Amino acid sequence: MKVEVQLLNDKGRTVPGAQLRTQKRFSGVLSIGEVRSTEFGRTLIAAHLRSSEGDEMLPLLHDAVVLRYESGRMRIRGVEVLNGTQHGQTWDVKVAAC
């Protein structure tokens, strides 16, 4: 599904509200499903945001959990890996109109 994603954390820390208003949003195709992760050594649920050409736009969100879905918006929480370090991350997702 086509979506717009805003990151709510930066390296595991909450982004302040004033900064959220000016922060870049990422548009692409969202998919959530089971993947085999070599980094974690197991199968897990992961969220991907890809461009229409199939390129990864954001780091994979490991152990993804949909916290809320209502009126075309959802909140997804998980773990991203940046430079070999795991950080908590939450995506605020707005589903694009069909």
N, C-alpha and C. Protein backbone atom coordinates (compact mmCIF):
# COMPACT_ATOMS: atom_id res chain seq x y z
N MET A 1 0.84 -1.17 0.00
CA MET A 1 0.00 0.00 0.00
C MET A 1 0.88 1.24 0.00
N LYS A 2 0.43 2.27 -0.69
CA LYS A 2 1.19 3.52 -0.76
C LYS A 2 0.94 4.32 0.51
N VAL A 3 2.04 4.82 1.09
CA VAL A 3 1.95 5.53 2.37
C VAL A 3 2.94 6.68 2.43
N GLU A 4 2.78 7.49 3.46
CA GLU A 4 3.75 8.52 3.83
C GLU A 4 4.16 8.22 5.27
N VAL A 5 5.47 8.14 5.52
CA VAL A 5 5.99 7.76 6.84
C VAL A 5 6.77 8.92 7.45
N GLN A 6 6.51 9.15 8.73
CA GLN A 6 7.30 10.10 9.51
C GLN A 6 7.96 9.33 10.64
N LEU A 7 9.26 9.52 10.82
CA LEU A 7 10.00 8.85 11.88
C LEU A 7 9.81 9.61 13.18
N LEU A 8 9.45 8.90 14.25
CA LEU A 8 9.20 9.55 15.54
C LEU A 8 10.40 9.47 16.48
N ASN A 9 11.44 8.72 16.08
CA ASN A 9 12.64 8.59 16.91
C ASN A 9 13.89 8.84 16.07
N ASP A 10 14.94 9.27 16.71
CA ASP A 10 16.25 9.44 16.08
C ASP A 10 17.26 8.71 16.94
N LYS A 11 17.78 7.59 16.42
CA LYS A 11 18.72 6.75 17.16
C LYS A 11 18.16 6.35 18.53
N GLY A 12 16.88 6.00 18.54
CA GLY A 12 16.23 5.51 19.75
C GLY A 12 15.66 6.58 20.66
N ARG A 13 15.89 7.83 20.35
CA ARG A 13 15.38 8.93 21.20
C ARG A 13 14.21 9.63 20.51
N THR A 14 13.22 10.01 21.30
CA THR A 14 12.04 10.69 20.78
C THR A 14 12.41 12.02 20.16
N VAL A 15 11.89 12.28 18.97
CA VAL A 15 12.11 13.56 18.28
C VAL A 15 11.15 14.58 18.89
N PRO A 16 11.66 15.76 19.31
CA PRO A 16 10.78 16.79 19.88
C PRO A 16 9.71 17.25 18.89
N GLY A 17 8.54 17.61 19.42
CA GLY A 17 7.41 18.03 18.60
C GLY A 17 7.71 19.13 17.60
N ALA A 18 8.47 20.14 18.01
CA ALA A 18 8.80 21.24 17.10
C ALA A 18 9.61 20.74 15.91
N GLN A 19 10.48 19.80 16.15
CA GLN A 19 11.32 19.24 15.08
C GLN A 19 10.50 18.33 14.16
N LEU A 20 9.49 17.65 14.72
CA LEU A 20 8.64 16.77 13.91
C LEU A 20 7.93 17.54 12.81
N ARG A 21 7.51 18.76 13.10
CA ARG A 21 6.76 19.55 12.13
C ARG A 21 7.59 19.89 10.90
N THR A 22 8.91 19.97 11.03
CA THR A 22 9.78 20.33 9.91
C THR A 22 10.53 19.13 9.34
N GLN A 23 10.38 17.98 9.97
CA GLN A 23 11.12 16.79 9.58
C GLN A 23 10.63 16.23 8.24
N LYS A 24 11.55 15.67 7.48
CA LYS A 24 11.23 15.05 6.19
C LYS A 24 10.32 13.85 6.39
N ARG A 25 9.37 13.70 5.46
CA ARG A 25 8.50 12.53 5.43
C ARG A 25 8.88 11.71 4.21
N PHE A 26 8.69 10.40 4.30
CA PHE A 26 9.09 9.49 3.24
C PHE A 26 7.86 8.85 2.62
N SER A 27 7.73 8.96 1.30
CA SER A 27 6.60 8.36 0.59
C SER A 27 7.08 7.13 -0.15
N GLY A 28 6.28 6.06 -0.07
CA GLY A 28 6.65 4.83 -0.75
C GLY A 28 5.60 3.77 -0.56
N VAL A 29 6.02 2.53 -0.78
CA VAL A 29 5.13 1.38 -0.67
C VAL A 29 5.49 0.60 0.59
N LEU A 30 4.53 0.45 1.47
CA LEU A 30 4.73 -0.25 2.74
C LEU A 30 4.36 -1.72 2.61
N SER A 31 5.22 -2.58 3.15
CA SER A 31 4.87 -3.99 3.26
C SER A 31 5.32 -4.48 4.63
N ILE A 32 4.53 -5.36 5.21
CA ILE A 32 4.84 -5.94 6.52
C ILE A 32 4.68 -7.45 6.37
N GLY A 33 5.70 -8.17 6.81
CA GLY A 33 5.61 -9.62 6.71
C GLY A 33 6.78 -10.31 7.36
N GLU A 34 6.74 -11.62 7.29
CA GLU A 34 7.76 -12.46 7.91
C GLU A 34 9.00 -12.51 7.03
N VAL A 35 10.18 -12.32 7.63
CA VAL A 35 11.46 -12.40 6.91
C VAL A 35 12.46 -13.17 7.77
N ARG A 36 13.44 -13.74 7.11
CA ARG A 36 14.54 -14.40 7.81
C ARG A 36 15.64 -13.35 7.95
N SER A 37 16.01 -13.02 9.20
CA SER A 37 17.01 -12.00 9.47
C SER A 37 18.33 -12.63 9.88
N THR A 38 19.39 -12.34 9.11
CA THR A 38 20.72 -12.83 9.48
C THR A 38 21.27 -12.03 10.65
N GLU A 39 20.87 -10.75 10.75
CA GLU A 39 21.33 -9.90 11.86
C GLU A 39 20.81 -10.41 13.21
N PHE A 40 19.57 -10.89 13.23
CA PHE A 40 18.96 -11.36 14.46
C PHE A 40 19.03 -12.88 14.61
N GLY A 41 19.38 -13.56 13.52
CA GLY A 41 19.52 -15.00 13.57
C GLY A 41 18.22 -15.76 13.73
N ARG A 42 17.13 -15.19 13.22
CA ARG A 42 15.83 -15.84 13.36
C ARG A 42 14.84 -15.23 12.37
N THR A 43 13.69 -15.82 12.30
CA THR A 43 12.61 -15.28 11.49
C THR A 43 11.83 -14.28 12.35
N LEU A 44 11.45 -13.16 11.74
CA LEU A 44 10.71 -12.14 12.48
C LEU A 44 9.79 -11.38 11.55
N ILE A 45 8.92 -10.58 12.12
CA ILE A 45 8.03 -9.71 11.35
C ILE A 45 8.78 -8.40 11.11
N ALA A 46 8.81 -7.98 9.84
CA ALA A 46 9.53 -6.75 9.49
C ALA A 46 8.66 -5.86 8.62
N ALA A 47 8.87 -4.54 8.76
CA ALA A 47 8.19 -3.56 7.92
C ALA A 47 9.23 -2.96 6.97
N HIS A 48 8.84 -2.85 5.70
CA HIS A 48 9.69 -2.28 4.67
C HIS A 48 8.99 -1.06 4.09
N LEU A 49 9.77 -0.03 3.78
CA LEU A 49 9.26 1.08 2.98
C LEU A 49 10.16 1.15 1.76
N ARG A 50 9.55 0.91 0.59
CA ARG A 50 10.31 0.89 -0.66
C ARG A 50 9.77 1.95 -1.61
N SER A 51 10.64 2.42 -2.49
CA SER A 51 10.21 3.32 -3.55
C SER A 51 9.42 2.51 -4.57
N SER A 52 8.79 3.17 -5.51
CA SER A 52 8.03 2.46 -6.53
C SER A 52 8.94 1.60 -7.41
N GLU A 53 10.25 1.91 -7.42
CA GLU A 53 11.23 1.10 -8.17
C GLU A 53 11.72 -0.09 -7.35
N GLY A 54 11.34 -0.18 -6.06
CA GLY A 54 11.73 -1.31 -5.22
C GLY A 54 12.92 -1.06 -4.32
N ASP A 55 13.49 0.16 -4.34
CA ASP A 55 14.63 0.49 -3.48
C ASP A 55 14.18 0.74 -2.05
N GLU A 56 14.94 0.23 -1.06
CA GLU A 56 14.64 0.47 0.36
C GLU A 56 14.82 1.97 0.64
N MET A 57 13.81 2.60 1.24
CA MET A 57 13.87 4.03 1.55
C MET A 57 14.28 4.28 2.99
N LEU A 58 13.97 3.34 3.87
CA LEU A 58 14.30 3.45 5.29
C LEU A 58 14.91 2.13 5.75
N PRO A 59 15.66 2.16 6.85
CA PRO A 59 16.15 0.88 7.38
C PRO A 59 14.96 -0.02 7.72
N LEU A 60 15.14 -1.30 7.50
CA LEU A 60 14.13 -2.30 7.82
C LEU A 60 13.72 -2.17 9.29
N LEU A 61 12.44 -2.27 9.57
CA LEU A 61 11.94 -2.19 10.93
C LEU A 61 11.69 -3.61 11.42
N HIS A 62 12.64 -4.15 12.23
CA HIS A 62 12.58 -5.52 12.73
C HIS A 62 11.58 -5.64 13.89
N ASP A 63 11.02 -6.83 14.07
CA ASP A 63 10.03 -7.09 15.12
C ASP A 63 8.93 -6.04 15.11
N ALA A 64 8.46 -5.73 13.90
CA ALA A 64 7.45 -4.68 13.72
C ALA A 64 6.11 -5.08 14.34
N VAL A 65 5.51 -4.12 15.03
CA VAL A 65 4.21 -4.31 15.67
C VAL A 65 3.34 -3.12 15.30
N VAL A 66 2.16 -3.39 14.76
CA VAL A 66 1.20 -2.32 14.48
C VAL A 66 0.49 -2.00 15.79
N LEU A 67 0.74 -0.82 16.30
CA LEU A 67 0.16 -0.42 17.58
C LEU A 67 -1.28 0.07 17.43
N ARG A 68 -1.53 0.71 16.28
CA ARG A 68 -2.86 1.30 16.08
C ARG A 68 -3.09 1.46 14.58
N TYR A 69 -4.31 1.23 14.15
CA TYR A 69 -4.73 1.52 12.77
C TYR A 69 -6.14 2.06 12.82
N GLU A 70 -6.29 3.31 12.38
CA GLU A 70 -7.60 3.94 12.47
C GLU A 70 -7.67 5.08 11.46
N SER A 71 -8.72 5.13 10.69
CA SER A 71 -8.99 6.22 9.75
C SER A 71 -7.81 6.53 8.83
N GLY A 72 -7.20 5.49 8.27
CA GLY A 72 -6.13 5.71 7.32
C GLY A 72 -4.78 6.07 7.91
N ARG A 73 -4.63 5.95 9.22
CA ARG A 73 -3.35 6.22 9.88
C ARG A 73 -2.99 5.03 10.75
N MET A 74 -1.69 4.77 10.84
CA MET A 74 -1.24 3.70 11.72
C MET A 74 0.07 4.08 12.37
N ARG A 75 0.35 3.41 13.44
CA ARG A 75 1.59 3.58 14.19
C ARG A 75 2.25 2.22 14.27
N ILE A 76 3.51 2.13 13.80
CA ILE A 76 4.26 0.87 13.79
C ILE A 76 5.53 1.06 14.61
N ARG A 77 5.77 0.12 15.52
CA ARG A 77 6.96 0.19 16.38
C ARG A 77 7.84 -1.02 16.09
N GLY A 78 9.16 -0.81 16.17
CA GLY A 78 10.09 -1.92 15.97
C GLY A 78 11.51 -1.49 16.28
N VAL A 79 12.45 -2.23 15.72
CA VAL A 79 13.87 -1.98 15.95
C VAL A 79 14.55 -1.81 14.60
N GLU A 80 15.29 -0.71 14.45
CA GLU A 80 16.09 -0.52 13.24
C GLU A 80 17.56 -0.72 13.60
N VAL A 81 18.34 -1.14 12.62
CA VAL A 81 19.77 -1.35 12.83
C VAL A 81 20.52 -0.29 12.02
N LEU A 82 21.27 0.57 12.72
CA LEU A 82 22.06 1.62 12.08
C LEU A 82 23.52 1.41 12.44
N ASN A 83 24.36 1.17 11.44
CA ASN A 83 25.79 0.96 11.66
C ASN A 83 26.06 -0.12 12.70
N GLY A 84 25.27 -1.19 12.64
CA GLY A 84 25.46 -2.33 13.54
C GLY A 84 24.87 -2.17 14.93
N THR A 85 24.22 -1.03 15.20
CA THR A 85 23.61 -0.78 16.51
C THR A 85 22.09 -0.78 16.39
N GLN A 86 21.43 -1.45 17.31
CA GLN A 86 19.97 -1.53 17.31
C GLN A 86 19.38 -0.32 18.05
N HIS A 87 18.36 0.28 17.42
CA HIS A 87 17.68 1.44 18.01
C HIS A 87 16.17 1.23 17.91
N GLY A 88 15.44 1.62 18.93
CA GLY A 88 13.98 1.60 18.88
C GLY A 88 13.52 2.66 17.89
N GLN A 89 12.49 2.33 17.12
CA GLN A 89 11.96 3.28 16.14
C GLN A 89 10.45 3.12 16.06
N THR A 90 9.76 4.23 15.85
CA THR A 90 8.32 4.22 15.64
C THR A 90 8.02 5.00 14.37
N TRP A 91 7.21 4.42 13.51
CA TRP A 91 6.78 5.09 12.30
C TRP A 91 5.35 5.57 12.47
N ASP A 92 5.09 6.83 12.13
CA ASP A 92 3.74 7.35 12.03
C ASP A 92 3.40 7.27 10.54
N VAL A 93 2.40 6.47 10.20
CA VAL A 93 2.12 6.15 8.80
C VAL A 93 0.76 6.71 8.40
N LYS A 94 0.75 7.41 7.27
CA LYS A 94 -0.50 7.92 6.70
C LYS A 94 -0.71 7.18 5.38
N VAL A 95 -1.83 6.45 5.28
CA VAL A 95 -2.12 5.69 4.07
C VAL A 95 -2.61 6.65 2.98
N ALA A 96 -2.02 6.54 1.79
CA ALA A 96 -2.38 7.42 0.67
C ALA A 96 -3.76 7.04 0.14
N ALA A 97 -4.47 8.03 -0.34
CA ALA A 97 -5.78 7.80 -0.93
C ALA A 97 -5.65 6.98 -2.21
N CYS A 98 -6.60 6.10 -2.44
CA CYS A 98 -6.57 5.24 -3.64
C CYS A 98 -7.04 5.98 -4.86
